[in-house]
Structures are given as structure tokens and as C-alpha cells.
Amino acid sequence: MNAKAITVEAIYEGGVFRPLHPCAIADAQRVKLTVQVADLADPWPANTAEIYREIADDERRLAAEMWPTGRETWPPQHESP
């Protein structure tokens, strides 16, 4: 028997595996499945804290660059009588 292996992502609903994308498999084709169950929640990357630090640094840099223009165009504050 010549077997061709393909990987198909699917969701299991109501006792049936439903492919997430079209498959190059004929209707009623007999297949053999090996199921690898994905984690329900993907783990956070090991460098999550570094990613957040980089985002914060970028935000501070952008705010500093925008401050002069923002200060010039910001509406003046009026004192209430």
C-alpha cells in the first residue's frame, strides 16, 4: 500500500473531525488519522517581558517625538471666570 502523508488541521465537533481548510482528499476516501491535541492556551513566549519593555520604549520615544508638535497644536486652556 502506498500511503501519502499530509497534515490537516481540524476541529473536533459532535464526534466528527472537521478540517479547517479544504483537503485534497476524495469524498468517502478512507484515511488513517493520528491525532495530536493542541494545547488550549498557547504558552507565553519566554521573552514576553522583553517584548513589553520594547513596546514601552517605542511608545516613550514616539511620545517624545510628538510632544513639540502636540504642544503647539493643543488647544489653550482657558481659566474659568
N, C-alpha and C. Protein backbone atom coordinates (compact mmCIF):
# COMPACT_ATOMS: atom_id res chain seq x y z
N MET A 1 0.84 -1.18 0.00
CA MET A 1 0.00 0.00 0.00
C MET A 1 0.89 1.24 0.00
N ASN A 2 0.68 2.13 -0.94
CA ASN A 2 1.40 3.39 -0.99
C ASN A 2 0.61 4.42 -0.21
N ALA A 3 1.18 4.92 0.85
CA ALA A 3 0.49 5.91 1.67
C ALA A 3 1.14 7.27 1.48
N LYS A 4 0.32 8.27 1.31
CA LYS A 4 0.80 9.65 1.18
C LYS A 4 0.38 10.38 2.46
N ALA A 5 1.34 10.91 3.20
CA ALA A 5 1.05 11.59 4.46
C ALA A 5 0.83 13.08 4.22
N ILE A 6 -0.23 13.61 4.77
CA ILE A 6 -0.48 15.05 4.75
C ILE A 6 -0.88 15.46 6.16
N THR A 7 -0.72 16.73 6.46
CA THR A 7 -1.13 17.25 7.75
C THR A 7 -2.35 18.12 7.53
N VAL A 8 -3.40 17.85 8.29
CA VAL A 8 -4.65 18.59 8.17
C VAL A 8 -5.03 19.12 9.54
N GLU A 9 -5.17 20.42 9.66
CA GLU A 9 -5.66 20.98 10.91
C GLU A 9 -7.18 20.84 10.91
N ALA A 10 -7.72 20.40 12.03
CA ALA A 10 -9.16 20.18 12.11
C ALA A 10 -9.65 20.52 13.50
N ILE A 11 -10.96 20.65 13.60
CA ILE A 11 -11.61 20.83 14.89
C ILE A 11 -12.53 19.64 15.09
N TYR A 12 -12.61 19.18 16.31
CA TYR A 12 -13.45 18.02 16.63
C TYR A 12 -14.75 18.53 17.22
N GLU A 13 -15.84 18.30 16.51
CA GLU A 13 -17.16 18.76 16.94
C GLU A 13 -18.18 17.65 16.75
N GLY A 14 -18.94 17.40 17.76
CA GLY A 14 -20.03 16.43 17.65
C GLY A 14 -19.59 15.06 17.16
N GLY A 15 -18.39 14.65 17.57
CA GLY A 15 -17.89 13.33 17.20
C GLY A 15 -17.31 13.25 15.81
N VAL A 16 -17.11 14.41 15.16
CA VAL A 16 -16.60 14.44 13.78
C VAL A 16 -15.42 15.40 13.69
N PHE A 17 -14.37 14.99 12.99
CA PHE A 17 -13.25 15.89 12.71
C PHE A 17 -13.62 16.74 11.50
N ARG A 18 -13.59 18.06 11.66
CA ARG A 18 -13.91 18.98 10.57
C ARG A 18 -12.65 19.76 10.20
N PRO A 19 -12.16 19.57 8.97
CA PRO A 19 -10.95 20.28 8.53
C PRO A 19 -11.15 21.79 8.57
N LEU A 20 -10.11 22.53 8.93
CA LEU A 20 -10.18 23.99 8.95
C LEU A 20 -9.98 24.57 7.56
N HIS A 21 -9.41 23.79 6.64
CA HIS A 21 -9.15 24.23 5.27
C HIS A 21 -9.53 23.09 4.33
N PRO A 22 -9.79 23.41 3.06
CA PRO A 22 -10.09 22.34 2.10
C PRO A 22 -8.95 21.33 2.02
N CYS A 23 -9.30 20.06 1.79
CA CYS A 23 -8.31 18.99 1.72
C CYS A 23 -8.34 18.38 0.33
N ALA A 24 -7.18 17.93 -0.12
CA ALA A 24 -7.08 17.24 -1.41
C ALA A 24 -7.33 15.76 -1.20
N ILE A 25 -8.50 15.44 -0.67
CA ILE A 25 -8.89 14.06 -0.39
C ILE A 25 -10.26 13.85 -1.00
N ALA A 26 -10.45 12.76 -1.67
CA ALA A 26 -11.73 12.47 -2.31
C ALA A 26 -12.79 12.16 -1.25
N ASP A 27 -14.04 12.51 -1.57
CA ASP A 27 -15.15 12.17 -0.67
C ASP A 27 -15.17 10.66 -0.45
N ALA A 28 -15.47 10.26 0.74
CA ALA A 28 -15.58 8.87 1.15
C ALA A 28 -14.24 8.13 1.09
N GLN A 29 -13.14 8.87 0.94
CA GLN A 29 -11.80 8.26 0.94
C GLN A 29 -11.49 7.78 2.34
N ARG A 30 -11.04 6.58 2.47
CA ARG A 30 -10.68 6.03 3.77
C ARG A 30 -9.30 6.56 4.13
N VAL A 31 -9.15 7.07 5.35
CA VAL A 31 -7.88 7.61 5.82
C VAL A 31 -7.58 7.05 7.20
N LYS A 32 -6.33 7.16 7.59
CA LYS A 32 -5.92 6.76 8.94
C LYS A 32 -5.45 8.02 9.64
N LEU A 33 -6.03 8.34 10.78
CA LEU A 33 -5.72 9.57 11.49
C LEU A 33 -4.80 9.30 12.68
N THR A 34 -3.84 10.16 12.84
CA THR A 34 -3.05 10.24 14.06
C THR A 34 -3.34 11.62 14.62
N VAL A 35 -3.87 11.70 15.81
CA VAL A 35 -4.33 12.97 16.36
C VAL A 35 -3.33 13.52 17.35
N GLN A 36 -2.94 14.76 17.15
CA GLN A 36 -2.08 15.49 18.08
C GLN A 36 -2.93 16.62 18.63
N VAL A 37 -3.26 16.56 19.90
CA VAL A 37 -4.14 17.55 20.51
C VAL A 37 -3.34 18.80 20.86
N ALA A 38 -3.81 19.94 20.38
CA ALA A 38 -3.15 21.22 20.66
C ALA A 38 -3.51 21.68 22.06
N ASP A 39 -2.58 22.39 22.70
CA ASP A 39 -2.87 22.98 24.00
C ASP A 39 -4.00 23.98 23.84
N LEU A 40 -4.87 24.08 24.83
CA LEU A 40 -5.96 25.04 24.76
C LEU A 40 -5.46 26.46 24.79
N ALA A 41 -4.42 26.69 25.55
CA ALA A 41 -3.84 28.03 25.63
C ALA A 41 -2.36 27.93 25.25
N ASP A 42 -1.97 28.71 24.26
CA ASP A 42 -0.56 28.73 23.89
C ASP A 42 0.24 29.35 25.03
N PRO A 43 1.38 28.78 25.36
CA PRO A 43 2.19 29.39 26.41
C PRO A 43 2.76 30.72 25.96
N TRP A 44 2.98 31.60 26.90
CA TRP A 44 3.59 32.89 26.59
C TRP A 44 5.03 32.66 26.19
N PRO A 45 5.54 33.44 25.25
CA PRO A 45 6.95 33.29 24.89
C PRO A 45 7.85 33.60 26.09
N ALA A 46 9.01 33.01 26.10
CA ALA A 46 9.94 33.20 27.21
C ALA A 46 10.37 34.66 27.34
N ASN A 47 10.36 35.40 26.23
CA ASN A 47 10.82 36.79 26.27
C ASN A 47 9.66 37.80 26.32
N THR A 48 8.54 37.42 26.90
CA THR A 48 7.37 38.30 26.97
C THR A 48 7.71 39.62 27.65
N ALA A 49 8.42 39.58 28.76
CA ALA A 49 8.77 40.81 29.48
C ALA A 49 9.61 41.73 28.60
N GLU A 50 10.55 41.16 27.85
CA GLU A 50 11.38 41.97 26.95
C GLU A 50 10.54 42.60 25.85
N ILE A 51 9.58 41.85 25.33
CA ILE A 51 8.69 42.39 24.30
C ILE A 51 7.94 43.61 24.84
N TYR A 52 7.40 43.49 26.05
CA TYR A 52 6.67 44.62 26.65
C TYR A 52 7.60 45.80 26.91
N ARG A 53 8.84 45.54 27.32
CA ARG A 53 9.80 46.64 27.52
C ARG A 53 10.07 47.36 26.21
N GLU A 54 10.24 46.61 25.13
CA GLU A 54 10.49 47.22 23.83
C GLU A 54 9.29 48.07 23.38
N ILE A 55 8.09 47.57 23.61
CA ILE A 55 6.89 48.33 23.25
C ILE A 55 6.84 49.62 24.05
N ALA A 56 7.11 49.54 25.35
CA ALA A 56 7.09 50.73 26.20
C ALA A 56 8.15 51.73 25.76
N ASP A 57 9.34 51.25 25.42
CA ASP A 57 10.41 52.13 24.94
C ASP A 57 9.99 52.83 23.65
N ASP A 58 9.38 52.08 22.73
CA ASP A 58 8.91 52.66 21.48
C ASP A 58 7.83 53.72 21.74
N GLU A 59 6.92 53.43 22.66
CA GLU A 59 5.86 54.39 22.98
C GLU A 59 6.44 55.67 23.57
N ARG A 60 7.43 55.53 24.47
CA ARG A 60 8.07 56.72 25.05
C ARG A 60 8.79 57.54 23.99
N ARG A 61 9.49 56.84 23.08
CA ARG A 61 10.20 57.53 22.01
C ARG A 61 9.22 58.27 21.11
N LEU A 62 8.13 57.63 20.73
CA LEU A 62 7.13 58.28 19.88
C LEU A 62 6.50 59.48 20.58
N ALA A 63 6.19 59.32 21.85
CA ALA A 63 5.59 60.44 22.61
C ALA A 63 6.56 61.61 22.67
N ALA A 64 7.83 61.34 22.89
CA ALA A 64 8.83 62.42 22.95
C ALA A 64 8.95 63.12 21.60
N GLU A 65 8.89 62.36 20.51
CA GLU A 65 8.97 62.95 19.18
C GLU A 65 7.72 63.79 18.86
N MET A 66 6.58 63.36 19.34
CA MET A 66 5.32 64.04 19.03
C MET A 66 5.05 65.23 19.95
N TRP A 67 5.70 65.28 21.11
CA TRP A 67 5.39 66.30 22.11
C TRP A 67 5.50 67.73 21.58
N PRO A 68 6.57 68.12 20.89
CA PRO A 68 6.66 69.52 20.43
C PRO A 68 5.48 69.91 19.53
N THR A 69 5.13 69.07 18.58
CA THR A 69 4.01 69.37 17.69
C THR A 69 2.69 69.35 18.45
N GLY A 70 2.53 68.39 19.32
CA GLY A 70 1.30 68.29 20.10
C GLY A 70 1.11 69.50 20.99
N ARG A 71 2.19 69.97 21.59
CA ARG A 71 2.13 71.14 22.47
C ARG A 71 1.72 72.38 21.68
N GLU A 72 2.22 72.52 20.44
CA GLU A 72 1.90 73.68 19.62
C GLU A 72 0.44 73.65 19.15
N THR A 73 -0.10 72.49 18.90
CA THR A 73 -1.45 72.39 18.35
C THR A 73 -2.52 72.13 19.39
N TRP A 74 -2.12 71.87 20.62
CA TRP A 74 -3.09 71.57 21.68
C TRP A 74 -3.88 72.84 21.99
N PRO A 75 -5.20 72.73 22.17
CA PRO A 75 -5.97 73.94 22.45
C PRO A 75 -5.52 74.56 23.78
N PRO A 76 -5.47 75.89 23.81
CA PRO A 76 -5.05 76.54 25.04
C PRO A 76 -6.10 76.33 26.15
N GLN A 77 -5.60 76.30 27.36
CA GLN A 77 -6.53 76.17 28.49
C GLN A 77 -7.00 77.55 28.88
N HIS A 78 -8.31 77.69 29.03
CA HIS A 78 -8.89 78.97 29.43
C HIS A 78 -9.26 78.88 30.90
N GLU A 79 -8.98 79.94 31.59
CA GLU A 79 -9.36 79.98 33.00
C GLU A 79 -10.84 80.27 33.09
N SER A 80 -11.51 79.57 33.97
CA SER A 80 -12.94 79.82 34.14
C SER A 80 -13.14 81.07 35.01
N PRO A 81 -14.20 81.84 34.70
CA PRO A 81 -14.42 83.10 35.45
C PRO A 81 -14.79 82.86 36.88
